[in-house]
Structures are given as structure tokens and as C-alpha cells.
């Protein structure tokens, strides 16, 4: 089962809004605030790599106030 960490930058002041939206998505196992270059870190799981790609594209990157993402696909857990 593919998993990935997604590092997310959001518009200033909207971190809590985006975090709450991410936590409501069933395929997102965990999501946390982060200090530094990225604002939020999310751990995503999917049944296939195609579904993982779709999750990042359609459920994370399309959220209002998300400015950019960096996806790190996990090789082993």
C-alpha cells in the first residue's frame, strides 16, 4: 500500500483552515503544523500509486489557500 508525506505551503493565516480540511479526508492518516520552510506535513495512504497521485492532486493541491506542495513517497515503513 503506497504512502507518502506531503509537505505543504499555505497562504499566511490559513494554516488552521487547511489543516482541518486535510484531517477530514479519510486517506490522510496524519496531518500536523510545521515550523520552517513548510507549514503543514500530511501522511497519505492509498491502494495504488495512481490513487496516491490522484489524492495529492485532487484532495491536497486543489484545496483553497494551498500554495505549493512537495511529495515524498515512502519506500518502506
Protein backbone atom coordinates (compact mmCIF):
# COMPACT_ATOMS: atom_id res chain seq x y z
CA UNK A 1 0.00 0.00 0.00
CA UNK A 2 1.70 3.23 -1.14
CA UNK A 3 2.19 6.01 1.38
CA UNK A 4 3.66 9.48 1.11
CA UNK A 5 4.48 12.51 3.18
CA UNK A 6 3.26 15.72 1.61
CA UNK A 7 4.91 18.97 2.67
CA UNK A 8 2.51 21.86 2.18
CA UNK A 9 2.81 25.64 2.00
CA UNK A 10 -0.35 27.65 2.55
CA UNK A 11 -1.27 31.32 2.43
CA UNK A 12 -0.36 33.08 5.66
CA UNK A 13 -3.13 32.96 8.25
CA UNK A 14 -4.93 29.95 6.74
CA UNK A 15 -2.84 27.16 8.25
CA UNK A 16 -5.58 26.05 10.68
CA UNK A 17 -8.27 26.08 7.99
CA UNK A 18 -6.23 23.91 5.64
CA UNK A 19 -5.15 21.57 8.45
CA UNK A 20 -8.76 20.93 9.48
CA UNK A 21 -9.77 20.21 5.87
CA UNK A 22 -6.87 17.76 5.48
CA UNK A 23 -7.75 15.94 8.70
CA UNK A 24 -11.29 15.34 7.38
CA UNK A 25 -10.03 13.40 4.33
CA UNK A 26 -10.16 9.63 5.10
CA UNK A 27 -6.98 8.73 3.19
CA UNK A 28 -4.92 11.24 5.14
CA UNK A 29 -3.61 9.28 8.11
CA UNK A 30 -1.99 12.22 9.93
CA UNK A 31 -1.55 15.96 9.46
CA UNK A 32 0.46 18.41 11.59
CA UNK A 33 1.58 22.03 11.70
CA UNK A 34 5.26 22.52 10.97
CA UNK A 35 7.64 25.39 11.61
CA UNK A 36 10.22 26.12 8.96
CA UNK A 37 10.05 26.04 5.18
CA UNK A 38 6.73 24.14 5.10
CA UNK A 39 3.56 24.94 7.06
CA UNK A 40 1.89 21.50 7.20
CA UNK A 41 3.03 17.89 6.90
CA UNK A 42 0.49 15.22 5.93
CA UNK A 43 0.85 11.44 5.71
CA UNK A 44 -1.29 9.92 2.96
CA UNK A 45 -2.09 6.30 2.13
CA UNK A 46 -3.67 4.80 -0.98
CA UNK A 47 -4.30 1.41 -2.54
CA UNK A 48 -2.24 2.13 -5.67
CA UNK A 49 0.29 4.67 -6.90
CA UNK A 50 -2.33 6.08 -9.27
CA UNK A 51 -4.70 6.64 -6.35
CA UNK A 52 -1.90 8.27 -4.39
CA UNK A 53 -1.23 10.63 -7.29
CA UNK A 54 -4.95 11.42 -7.50
CA UNK A 55 -5.12 12.09 -3.75
CA UNK A 56 -2.26 14.58 -3.87
CA UNK A 57 -3.58 16.28 -6.98
CA UNK A 58 -7.32 16.33 -6.22
CA UNK A 59 -7.52 16.33 -2.42
CA UNK A 60 -4.46 18.30 -1.33
CA UNK A 61 -3.23 20.59 -4.10
CA UNK A 62 -6.76 21.66 -5.05
CA UNK A 63 -7.61 22.92 -1.54
CA UNK A 64 -8.21 26.63 -1.32
CA UNK A 65 -5.22 28.53 0.14
CA UNK A 66 -2.67 25.77 -0.66
CA UNK A 67 0.24 27.49 -2.42
CA UNK A 68 2.62 24.59 -3.09
CA UNK A 69 3.41 21.01 -2.15
CA UNK A 70 6.35 18.61 -2.13
CA UNK A 71 5.53 14.89 -2.14
CA UNK A 72 7.92 12.35 -0.60
CA UNK A 73 6.92 8.79 -1.47
CA UNK A 74 7.81 6.32 1.26
CA UNK A 75 9.76 3.27 0.10
CA UNK A 76 9.40 1.27 3.34
CA UNK A 77 7.57 1.80 6.58
